[in-house]
């Protein structure tokens, strides 16, 4: 009953936004079509937050509204839905499905457990580092699920009580923290990264190469993982683990045995893809999306065949695909009507005189707030990338760096477990919402400072 009321309230508010926008008089620099394009996006945010319909269906609704309000014609609307971003994201889901079939996560966890030598603080760091490493090439949700399962085996063996065990709190908050941070290390880490790069290209004609992203993303992760870990273990001092718990993970590694032929093929294909992605920085005919699609094909190639079609289809999040396509179309409408320029010139013009650190810090702060209000990464990425990259051009800052900051803010949240990644571990009951707030305050401010002072310097050093 409460959920139904929430849905009707969201639907009513969305309709009200559209009606008010339609009858508002045009302002200088903002046409009727531009006004409605902004209204459609705001309506979408309301519908997403109140969960009126499935996220992907809402994205499709926003997209089909574009022609009816003379924002884009039908053929342009359909063409803006499909882009290289869609194919890249589909291909990266194949990497995720393939990695899940291997025992790689278990092996990583085993190495890290042995490295920690029974120290609970080291164990928490190990799980955060392990989840960060895997999520650099694997989608965040399955990575978080994999490491959560491994952590649960330790907690259950240790009879850790949900809600009372500090080790449980540290692991169940630390794993999504590590996963989200690790997703920033490469463009393939999360679909939001690829989406942001695509929107940057559409809006400015600029791009971020795979290597350039890594040269900023890896230092970001190297800084943020230890800070997040320190925040966790200082607030929730984890209790010691038993030898039996260590043996549980070690036995899982032993039972996995040596790498199978299938696992070797999967690791080899992903390794070749990573090398090719990095090489695409200097070799023009190596296209990042083309490499991703070729990798997808290789998983099915005769003699390799490490995936079946059914496994692949089940592993693709079609909701994410449809949502990204719909948001891309709406973003294209905002650009085509001049609404993006109006947002930059009319609302954000004062920021054009800010220094790069001020601008970058403000962008990171805005994204942090937006993610707390609307825990739907692709939506806020689509809403913010175009105006913020435009503002960067106006201010003489790097649109590429600001776009990366937008992507980080859309993909990472340390404050509330409302995003799909922390929700996975939150559902197990080992921590309360307030626990994540306490543990996430320091990492949140640290991320804003890193975005303001570190990423712009790295961007300057690598020339973007």
Protein backbone atom coordinates (compact mmCIF):
# COMPACT_ATOMS: atom_id res chain seq x y z
CA UNK A 1 0.00 0.00 0.00
CA UNK A 2 2.79 2.45 0.95
CA UNK A 3 4.71 1.56 -2.21
CA UNK A 4 1.62 2.12 -4.35
CA UNK A 5 1.07 5.55 -2.77
CA UNK A 6 4.70 6.38 -3.47
CA UNK A 7 4.24 5.40 -7.12
CA UNK A 8 1.09 7.49 -7.57
CA UNK A 9 2.76 10.44 -5.82
CA UNK A 10 5.76 10.15 -8.15
CA UNK A 11 3.59 9.88 -11.23
CA UNK A 12 1.51 12.89 -10.18
CA UNK A 13 4.61 14.97 -9.48
CA UNK A 14 6.11 13.99 -12.84
CA UNK A 15 2.96 15.03 -14.69
CA UNK A 16 2.88 18.31 -12.72
CA UNK A 17 6.47 19.10 -13.77
CA UNK A 18 5.59 18.53 -17.43
CA UNK A 19 2.42 20.67 -17.24
CA UNK A 20 4.15 23.56 -15.47
CA UNK A 21 7.06 23.46 -17.91
CA UNK A 22 4.73 23.41 -20.91
CA UNK A 23 2.88 26.56 -19.86
CA UNK A 24 5.87 28.48 -18.52
CA UNK A 25 6.80 31.36 -20.84
CA UNK A 26 9.94 30.99 -22.92
CA UNK A 27 13.02 32.72 -21.57
CA UNK A 28 15.99 34.20 -23.39
CA UNK A 29 18.08 31.43 -24.89
CA UNK A 30 15.64 28.66 -24.00
CA UNK A 31 13.07 27.57 -26.57
CA UNK A 32 9.86 25.68 -25.88
CA UNK A 33 11.55 22.48 -27.05
CA UNK A 34 14.56 23.10 -24.82
CA UNK A 35 12.32 23.82 -21.86
CA UNK A 36 10.47 20.54 -22.39
CA UNK A 37 13.73 18.61 -22.81
CA UNK A 38 14.84 19.73 -19.35
CA UNK A 39 11.37 18.96 -17.97
CA UNK A 40 11.49 15.43 -19.40
CA UNK A 41 14.80 14.76 -17.65
CA UNK A 42 13.55 16.18 -14.33
CA UNK A 43 10.40 14.09 -14.66
CA UNK A 44 12.55 11.04 -15.28
CA UNK A 45 14.51 11.65 -12.08
CA UNK A 46 11.26 11.85 -10.09
CA UNK A 47 9.95 8.64 -11.68
CA UNK A 48 13.26 6.84 -11.06
CA UNK A 49 13.47 7.91 -7.41
CA UNK A 50 9.84 6.97 -6.66
CA UNK A 51 10.14 3.72 -8.68
CA UNK A 52 6.90 4.34 -10.56
CA UNK A 53 7.98 1.82 -13.19
CA UNK A 54 11.07 -0.32 -13.82
CA UNK A 55 14.09 1.93 -14.48
CA UNK A 56 14.48 0.83 -18.10
CA UNK A 57 10.78 1.38 -18.89
CA UNK A 58 10.97 4.90 -17.49
CA UNK A 59 13.99 5.57 -19.74
CA UNK A 60 12.02 4.36 -22.76
CA UNK A 61 9.08 6.58 -21.76
CA UNK A 62 11.34 9.64 -21.63
CA UNK A 63 12.78 8.76 -25.03
CA UNK A 64 9.42 8.44 -26.81
CA UNK A 65 8.31 11.77 -25.33
CA UNK A 66 11.02 13.58 -27.31
CA UNK A 67 9.27 13.59 -30.73
CA UNK A 68 5.88 14.49 -29.22
CA UNK A 69 7.31 17.73 -27.84
CA UNK A 70 9.24 18.54 -31.06
CA UNK A 71 12.60 17.99 -29.38
CA UNK A 72 13.88 15.38 -31.84
CA UNK A 73 12.21 13.69 -34.80
CA UNK A 74 11.52 9.97 -34.65
CA UNK A 75 14.44 8.84 -36.81
CA UNK A 76 16.92 10.93 -34.80
CA UNK A 77 15.47 9.66 -31.54
CA UNK A 78 15.98 6.03 -32.55
CA UNK A 79 19.47 6.70 -33.87
CA UNK A 80 20.54 8.44 -30.64
CA UNK A 81 19.47 5.39 -28.64
CA UNK A 82 22.04 3.22 -30.40
CA UNK A 83 25.71 4.13 -30.18
CA UNK A 84 29.11 2.54 -29.70
CA UNK A 85 28.49 2.83 -25.95
CA UNK A 86 25.68 0.26 -26.14
CA UNK A 87 27.88 -2.27 -27.93
CA UNK A 88 30.80 -1.68 -25.54
CA UNK A 89 28.58 -2.24 -22.50
CA UNK A 90 27.06 -5.41 -23.99
CA UNK A 91 30.56 -6.75 -24.65
CA UNK A 92 31.75 -5.98 -21.11
CA UNK A 93 28.87 -8.03 -19.72
CA UNK A 94 30.44 -10.99 -21.55
CA UNK A 95 33.67 -10.38 -19.60
CA UNK A 96 31.67 -10.41 -16.38
CA UNK A 97 29.85 -13.64 -17.24
CA UNK A 98 33.13 -15.30 -18.22
CA UNK A 99 34.93 -14.23 -15.03
CA UNK A 100 32.08 -15.47 -12.86
CA UNK A 101 32.58 -18.92 -14.41
CA UNK A 102 36.16 -18.96 -13.14
CA UNK A 103 37.49 -19.37 -9.61
CA UNK A 104 39.50 -16.16 -9.95
CA UNK A 105 37.64 -14.32 -7.16
CA UNK A 106 38.16 -17.27 -4.81
CA UNK A 107 41.86 -17.44 -5.68
CA UNK A 108 42.29 -13.69 -5.10
CA UNK A 109 40.49 -13.96 -1.76
CA UNK A 110 42.68 -16.92 -0.78
CA UNK A 111 45.87 -15.03 -1.51
CA UNK A 112 44.64 -12.02 0.46
CA UNK A 113 43.51 -14.12 3.44
CA UNK A 114 46.95 -15.74 3.60
CA UNK A 115 48.55 -12.30 3.25
CA UNK A 116 46.52 -10.94 6.19
CA UNK A 117 47.83 -13.77 8.45
CA UNK A 118 44.68 -13.76 10.55
CA UNK A 119 44.74 -10.00 11.18
CA UNK A 120 41.10 -8.83 10.82
CA UNK A 121 42.16 -5.36 9.68
CA UNK A 122 44.35 -6.89 7.00
CA UNK A 123 41.48 -9.18 6.01
CA UNK A 124 39.17 -6.21 5.46
CA UNK A 125 41.84 -4.45 3.38
CA UNK A 126 42.40 -7.64 1.42
CA UNK A 127 38.74 -7.97 0.50
CA UNK A 128 38.57 -4.30 -0.50
CA UNK A 129 41.69 -4.58 -2.68
CA UNK A 130 40.48 -7.84 -4.22
CA UNK A 131 37.05 -6.48 -5.09
CA UNK A 132 38.65 -3.31 -6.50
CA UNK A 133 41.00 -5.29 -8.75
CA UNK A 134 38.26 -7.51 -10.15
CA UNK A 135 35.80 -4.66 -10.67
CA UNK A 136 38.35 -2.81 -12.81
CA UNK A 137 37.33 -5.10 -15.70
CA UNK A 138 34.14 -6.65 -14.33
CA UNK A 139 30.79 -4.99 -13.67
CA UNK A 140 30.32 -3.79 -10.10
CA UNK A 141 27.18 -5.71 -9.13
CA UNK A 142 28.44 -9.26 -9.84
CA UNK A 143 31.87 -8.40 -8.39
CA UNK A 144 30.27 -7.22 -5.16
CA UNK A 145 28.09 -10.35 -5.06
CA UNK A 146 31.09 -12.66 -5.55
CA UNK A 147 33.18 -11.15 -2.76
CA UNK A 148 30.16 -10.85 -0.48
CA UNK A 149 29.60 -14.61 -0.83
CA UNK A 150 33.22 -15.28 0.12
CA UNK A 151 32.99 -12.90 3.09
CA UNK A 152 29.75 -14.52 4.26
CA UNK A 153 31.46 -17.90 4.39
CA UNK A 154 33.97 -16.42 6.88
CA UNK A 155 31.33 -14.61 8.94
CA UNK A 156 29.04 -17.62 9.15
CA UNK A 157 31.93 -19.91 10.12
CA UNK A 158 32.89 -17.40 12.84
CA UNK A 159 29.26 -17.16 14.06
CA UNK A 160 29.37 -13.41 13.49
CA UNK A 161 26.02 -11.92 14.54
CA UNK A 162 24.47 -9.59 11.92
CA UNK A 163 24.22 -6.06 13.27
CA UNK A 164 26.63 -6.70 16.14
CA UNK A 165 29.80 -8.01 14.53
CA UNK A 166 32.22 -5.20 13.69
CA UNK A 167 34.03 -7.51 11.29
CA UNK A 168 30.70 -8.05 9.55
CA UNK A 169 30.18 -4.30 9.30
CA UNK A 170 33.68 -3.71 7.96
CA UNK A 171 33.47 -6.45 5.33
CA UNK A 172 29.91 -5.75 4.22
CA UNK A 173 30.55 -2.01 3.87
CA UNK A 174 34.13 -2.38 2.66
CA UNK A 175 33.33 -4.74 -0.22
CA UNK A 176 30.94 -2.33 -2.02
CA UNK A 177 33.34 0.54 -1.25
CA UNK A 178 36.21 -1.38 -2.86
CA UNK A 179 34.04 -2.50 -5.76
CA UNK A 180 32.83 1.00 -6.62
CA UNK A 181 36.32 2.50 -6.29
CA UNK A 182 37.82 -0.26 -8.45
CA UNK A 183 35.26 0.42 -11.15
CA UNK A 184 36.96 3.78 -11.66
CA UNK A 185 40.29 2.22 -12.62
CA UNK A 186 39.48 1.55 -16.30
CA UNK A 187 36.70 2.58 -18.70
CA UNK A 188 35.56 -1.07 -18.66
CA UNK A 189 35.06 -0.97 -14.89
CA UNK A 190 31.46 0.21 -15.10
CA UNK A 191 29.03 1.08 -17.88
CA UNK A 192 28.79 4.63 -16.50
CA UNK A 193 32.43 5.29 -17.49
CA UNK A 194 31.75 4.34 -21.11
CA UNK A 195 28.51 6.30 -21.12
CA UNK A 196 30.29 9.44 -19.87
CA UNK A 197 32.99 9.12 -22.54
CA UNK A 198 30.31 8.73 -25.22
CA UNK A 199 28.42 11.81 -24.01
CA UNK A 200 31.67 13.80 -23.92
CA UNK A 201 32.37 12.88 -27.55
CA UNK A 202 28.81 13.79 -28.55
CA UNK A 203 28.93 17.16 -26.76
CA UNK A 204 32.48 18.36 -27.47
CA UNK A 205 34.10 16.05 -30.02
CA UNK A 206 36.76 15.21 -27.42
CA UNK A 207 37.41 11.78 -25.96
CA UNK A 208 39.36 10.00 -23.22
CA UNK A 209 41.55 7.12 -24.33
CA UNK A 210 41.63 3.87 -22.38
CA UNK A 211 45.17 4.55 -21.17
CA UNK A 212 44.48 8.17 -20.21
CA UNK A 213 41.53 7.04 -18.10
CA UNK A 214 43.71 4.42 -16.39
CA UNK A 215 46.42 6.99 -15.67
CA UNK A 216 43.86 8.94 -13.66
CA UNK A 217 41.67 6.08 -12.45
CA UNK A 218 44.40 3.90 -10.95
CA UNK A 219 45.92 6.68 -8.78
CA UNK A 220 42.38 7.59 -7.70
CA UNK A 221 41.82 4.00 -6.53
CA UNK A 222 45.26 3.76 -4.90
CA UNK A 223 44.39 6.81 -2.79
CA UNK A 224 40.74 6.04 -2.06
CA UNK A 225 40.92 2.36 -1.05
CA UNK A 226 43.31 2.96 1.91
CA UNK A 227 41.35 6.02 3.05
CA UNK A 228 38.07 4.11 2.96
CA UNK A 229 39.67 1.17 4.76
CA UNK A 230 41.11 3.38 7.52
CA UNK A 231 37.72 5.03 8.01
CA UNK A 232 36.10 1.61 8.42
CA UNK A 233 38.57 0.01 10.82
CA UNK A 234 38.85 3.13 12.99
CA UNK A 235 35.08 3.45 13.40
CA UNK A 236 34.28 -0.27 13.59
CA UNK A 237 37.24 -2.06 15.12
CA UNK A 238 36.92 -5.59 13.65
CA UNK A 239 37.15 -8.55 15.99
CA UNK A 240 39.68 -11.32 15.41
CA UNK A 241 38.82 -14.23 13.15
CA UNK A 242 39.28 -17.88 13.98
CA UNK A 243 41.68 -20.28 12.33
CA UNK A 244 38.61 -22.17 11.17
CA UNK A 245 37.52 -19.15 9.10
CA UNK A 246 40.93 -18.89 7.46
CA UNK A 247 40.79 -22.59 6.69
CA UNK A 248 37.37 -22.15 5.06
CA UNK A 249 38.77 -19.85 2.36
CA UNK A 250 42.00 -21.83 2.00
CA UNK A 251 40.01 -25.03 1.47
CA UNK A 252 37.93 -23.29 -1.22
CA UNK A 253 41.15 -22.35 -3.02
CA UNK A 254 42.53 -25.87 -2.69
CA UNK A 255 39.29 -27.36 -3.99
CA UNK A 256 39.50 -25.08 -7.03
CA UNK A 257 42.72 -26.87 -7.98
CA UNK A 258 44.91 -25.66 -10.81
CA UNK A 259 43.64 -23.27 -13.44
CA UNK A 260 41.50 -25.19 -15.89
CA UNK A 261 41.87 -24.91 -19.65
CA UNK A 262 38.68 -22.85 -19.75
CA UNK A 263 39.95 -20.43 -17.10
CA UNK A 264 43.25 -20.00 -18.94
CA UNK A 265 41.37 -19.15 -22.15
CA UNK A 266 39.20 -16.57 -20.37
CA UNK A 267 42.17 -14.91 -18.66
CA UNK A 268 44.13 -14.89 -21.95
CA UNK A 269 41.29 -13.27 -23.90
CA UNK A 270 40.77 -10.58 -21.26
CA UNK A 271 44.53 -9.99 -21.10
CA UNK A 272 44.73 -9.49 -24.87
CA UNK A 273 41.75 -7.12 -24.71
CA UNK A 274 43.45 -5.01 -22.03
CA UNK A 275 46.67 -4.80 -24.04
CA UNK A 276 44.73 -3.85 -27.18
CA UNK A 277 42.70 -1.24 -25.30
CA UNK A 278 45.88 0.39 -24.02
CA UNK A 279 47.49 0.17 -27.48
CA UNK A 280 44.44 1.91 -29.00
CA UNK A 281 45.84 5.13 -27.49
CA UNK A 282 48.52 5.14 -30.22
CA UNK A 283 47.11 2.84 -32.93
CA UNK A 284 44.22 4.60 -34.74
CA UNK A 285 42.70 1.46 -36.25
CA UNK A 286 42.31 -0.14 -32.81
CA UNK A 287 38.88 1.06 -31.70
CA UNK A 288 37.97 0.46 -28.04
CA UNK A 289 34.45 -0.72 -28.85
CA UNK A 290 35.71 -2.86 -31.71
CA UNK A 291 38.16 -4.54 -29.34
CA UNK A 292 35.38 -5.19 -26.82
CA UNK A 293 33.13 -6.75 -29.48
CA UNK A 294 35.99 -8.87 -30.85
CA UNK A 295 36.62 -10.10 -27.30
CA UNK A 296 32.94 -10.99 -27.01
CA UNK A 297 33.15 -12.96 -30.27
CA UNK A 298 36.33 -14.72 -29.10
CA UNK A 299 34.48 -16.18 -26.10
CA UNK A 300 32.26 -18.09 -28.56
CA UNK A 301 34.87 -18.87 -31.23
CA UNK A 302 35.20 -22.55 -32.29
CA UNK A 303 37.91 -24.22 -30.25
CA UNK A 304 37.56 -21.63 -27.48
CA UNK A 305 33.83 -21.69 -26.63
CA UNK A 306 34.10 -20.62 -23.00
CA UNK A 307 30.56 -19.18 -23.01
CA UNK A 308 27.22 -20.49 -24.23
CA UNK A 309 24.61 -18.21 -25.74
CA UNK A 310 22.19 -18.88 -22.88
CA UNK A 311 24.83 -17.98 -20.28
CA UNK A 312 25.58 -14.73 -22.08
CA UNK A 313 21.94 -13.69 -22.52
CA UNK A 314 21.16 -14.38 -18.85
CA UNK A 315 24.24 -12.43 -17.74
CA UNK A 316 23.50 -9.23 -19.66
CA UNK A 317 21.62 -6.58 -17.68
CA UNK A 318 19.18 -5.52 -20.36
CA UNK A 319 17.76 -2.97 -17.92
CA UNK A 320 21.12 -1.16 -17.96
CA UNK A 321 21.31 -1.34 -21.76
CA UNK A 322 17.82 0.10 -22.26
CA UNK A 323 18.39 2.75 -19.61
CA UNK A 324 21.66 3.94 -21.12
CA UNK A 325 20.07 4.13 -24.58
CA UNK A 326 17.10 6.12 -23.29
CA UNK A 327 19.27 8.53 -21.31
CA UNK A 328 21.54 9.02 -24.35
CA UNK A 329 18.51 10.02 -26.44
CA UNK A 330 17.31 12.51 -23.80
CA UNK A 331 20.83 13.97 -23.50
CA UNK A 332 20.92 14.36 -27.30
CA UNK A 333 17.61 16.23 -27.11
CA UNK A 334 18.97 18.59 -24.46
CA UNK A 335 21.98 19.32 -26.68
CA UNK A 336 19.99 19.65 -29.92
CA UNK A 337 17.57 22.20 -28.46
CA UNK A 338 20.31 24.36 -26.97
CA UNK A 339 19.10 23.59 -23.44
CA UNK A 340 22.59 22.46 -22.44
CA UNK A 341 24.07 25.80 -23.50
CA UNK A 342 21.29 27.61 -21.65
CA UNK A 343 22.08 25.69 -18.47
CA UNK A 344 25.75 26.61 -18.79
CA UNK A 345 25.31 30.24 -19.87
CA UNK A 346 22.27 31.09 -17.79
CA UNK A 347 22.57 29.13 -14.57
CA UNK A 348 26.28 28.31 -14.27
CA UNK A 349 27.85 31.34 -15.93
CA UNK A 350 29.23 32.61 -12.62
CA UNK A 351 31.33 29.47 -12.30
CA UNK A 352 33.18 30.27 -15.53
CA UNK A 353 35.60 32.43 -13.55
CA UNK A 354 36.39 29.77 -10.99
CA UNK A 355 39.77 28.10 -10.79
CA UNK A 356 40.02 24.49 -11.98
CA UNK A 357 40.24 23.06 -8.42
CA UNK A 358 37.15 25.04 -7.40
CA UNK A 359 35.25 23.91 -10.48
CA UNK A 360 36.32 20.27 -10.09
CA UNK A 361 35.51 20.26 -6.37
CA UNK A 362 32.11 21.83 -7.02
CA UNK A 363 31.35 19.23 -9.71
CA UNK A 364 32.30 16.41 -7.33
CA UNK A 365 30.16 17.92 -4.57
CA UNK A 366 27.15 18.34 -6.87
CA UNK A 367 27.47 14.74 -8.07
CA UNK A 368 27.68 13.50 -4.47
CA UNK A 369 24.43 15.29 -3.63
CA UNK A 370 22.73 14.15 -6.85
CA UNK A 371 23.70 10.53 -6.22
CA UNK A 372 22.23 10.72 -2.71
CA UNK A 373 18.97 12.14 -4.09
CA UNK A 374 18.79 9.91 -7.16
CA UNK A 375 20.70 6.63 -6.70
CA UNK A 376 20.48 5.82 -10.41
CA UNK A 377 23.96 6.27 -11.86
CA UNK A 378 23.19 6.40 -15.60
CA UNK A 379 20.45 8.97 -15.01
CA UNK A 380 22.60 11.49 -13.16
CA UNK A 381 25.51 10.83 -15.51
CA UNK A 382 23.27 11.68 -18.47
CA UNK A 383 21.93 14.75 -16.72
CA UNK A 384 25.27 16.20 -15.64
CA UNK A 385 27.89 15.26 -18.25
CA UNK A 386 26.81 17.62 -21.02
CA UNK A 387 26.35 20.84 -18.97
CA UNK A 388 29.44 20.25 -16.82
CA UNK A 389 31.68 19.47 -19.81
CA UNK A 390 30.29 22.61 -21.46
CA UNK A 391 31.05 24.62 -18.34
CA UNK A 392 34.60 23.26 -18.38
CA UNK A 393 35.08 24.62 -21.91
CA UNK A 394 33.69 27.99 -20.83
CA UNK A 395 36.03 28.11 -17.82
CA UNK A 396 39.12 26.97 -19.71
CA UNK A 397 39.30 23.70 -17.75
CA UNK A 398 39.61 20.19 -19.16
CA UNK A 399 36.22 18.76 -20.23
CA UNK A 400 37.77 15.28 -20.09
CA UNK A 401 38.77 15.61 -16.44
CA UNK A 402 35.42 17.11 -15.46
CA UNK A 403 33.62 14.33 -17.34
CA UNK A 404 35.60 11.73 -15.42
CA UNK A 405 34.63 13.45 -12.17
CA UNK A 406 30.97 13.27 -13.23
CA UNK A 407 31.36 9.55 -13.95
CA UNK A 408 33.01 8.93 -10.57
CA UNK A 409 30.23 10.77 -8.78
CA UNK A 410 27.57 8.84 -10.70
CA UNK A 411 29.17 5.46 -9.99
CA UNK A 412 30.39 5.88 -6.39
CA UNK A 413 28.50 6.68 -3.22
CA UNK A 414 29.81 6.27 0.32
CA UNK A 415 26.89 7.75 2.25
CA UNK A 416 23.66 5.76 1.79
CA UNK A 417 23.15 2.12 0.73
CA UNK A 418 20.52 3.05 -1.85
CA UNK A 419 22.65 2.45 -4.94
CA UNK A 420 22.39 -1.07 -6.40
CA UNK A 421 25.98 -1.99 -5.35
CA UNK A 422 25.81 -1.34 -1.56
CA UNK A 423 22.22 -2.61 -1.53
CA UNK A 424 23.59 -6.10 -2.23
CA UNK A 425 25.43 -6.30 1.10
CA UNK A 426 22.99 -4.09 3.03
CA UNK A 427 20.28 -6.70 2.47
CA UNK A 428 22.25 -9.21 4.59
CA UNK A 429 21.64 -7.20 7.76
CA UNK A 430 25.23 -6.87 8.97
CA UNK A 431 25.05 -3.08 9.09
CA UNK A 432 22.46 -0.34 9.40
CA UNK A 433 22.05 2.68 7.17
CA UNK A 434 23.59 4.88 9.86
CA UNK A 435 26.67 2.66 9.95
CA UNK A 436 27.39 3.37 6.30
CA UNK A 437 26.84 7.09 6.86
CA UNK A 438 29.43 7.10 9.67
CA UNK A 439 31.95 5.10 7.65
CA UNK A 440 31.33 7.08 4.48
CA UNK A 441 31.78 10.67 5.65
CA UNK A 442 35.59 10.67 5.49
CA UNK A 443 35.79 8.87 2.09
CA UNK A 444 33.18 11.27 0.67
CA UNK A 445 35.17 14.37 1.58
CA UNK A 446 38.39 12.64 0.52
CA UNK A 447 36.92 11.88 -2.90
CA UNK A 448 35.89 15.51 -3.36
CA UNK A 449 39.43 16.66 -2.46
CA UNK A 450 41.03 14.09 -4.79
CA UNK A 451 38.74 15.23 -7.61
CA UNK A 452 39.55 18.88 -6.89
CA UNK A 453 43.31 18.70 -6.50
CA UNK A 454 44.69 15.38 -7.78
CA UNK A 455 42.75 14.55 -10.95
CA UNK A 456 43.23 17.99 -12.60
CA UNK A 457 46.99 17.72 -12.00
CA UNK A 458 47.07 14.21 -13.47
CA UNK A 459 45.03 15.42 -16.42
CA UNK A 460 47.53 18.21 -17.07
CA UNK A 461 50.48 15.82 -16.81
CA UNK A 462 49.03 13.40 -19.38
CA UNK A 463 47.85 16.21 -21.62
CA UNK A 464 44.06 15.98 -21.61
